[in-house]
Amino acid sequence: MENKRIGIKEFENTIIPDGWARCFNEACRQHDSCVRFKAGEALSDNQTEGCSVYPKAVKKDGVCKYYKAYKTIRTAWGFRKIMENIKVTDAKAIRQELRLFFGNNTRYYRYFNGKRRLTEKQKIWIEKLFESYGYAYMQFDESVK
């Protein structure tokens, strides 16, 4: 599978987590399709320090240990709308399972209120949870590709 060159236009709305290592190695043969390199190019003028991938990460065979191919994913945030549309008898059990899944109340409420975006895996897990209670169609508060 050939890796696609990433254009800056495609990268404009990409969310890069704080503390994520960025790359600035133009000599790397994989830099055209690497999210870490694109993240380095897309730094704002007020960002002056942070984590980075060092040039020695590229092995003699030209493969970088930290290479991450650019891929489009679907993400969502906030599931307040979903919780408003479930039966009262199911709400407590579903809420409890979600809290266990997220690890604690604070994280649960951050995702519930849309303060943090769900990963694709988290989104799928939540959809399966609601399906197991008989809710087939769920609409997250926000979702993007």
Foldseek 3Di string as FASTA:
>chain_A
DDADFDDLVNVVPDDDDAQDAAECDPVQPCLRFFPSPSVVVPDDPPDDDHHYDDPPQQDPVRDGPPGDGDDDDKKFAAQLVVLVPDDPVCNVVLLVVLCVVLVHDVSSVCRNHRVDMDDRVRVVVSQVSVVVVPDNDGDGPDMDD
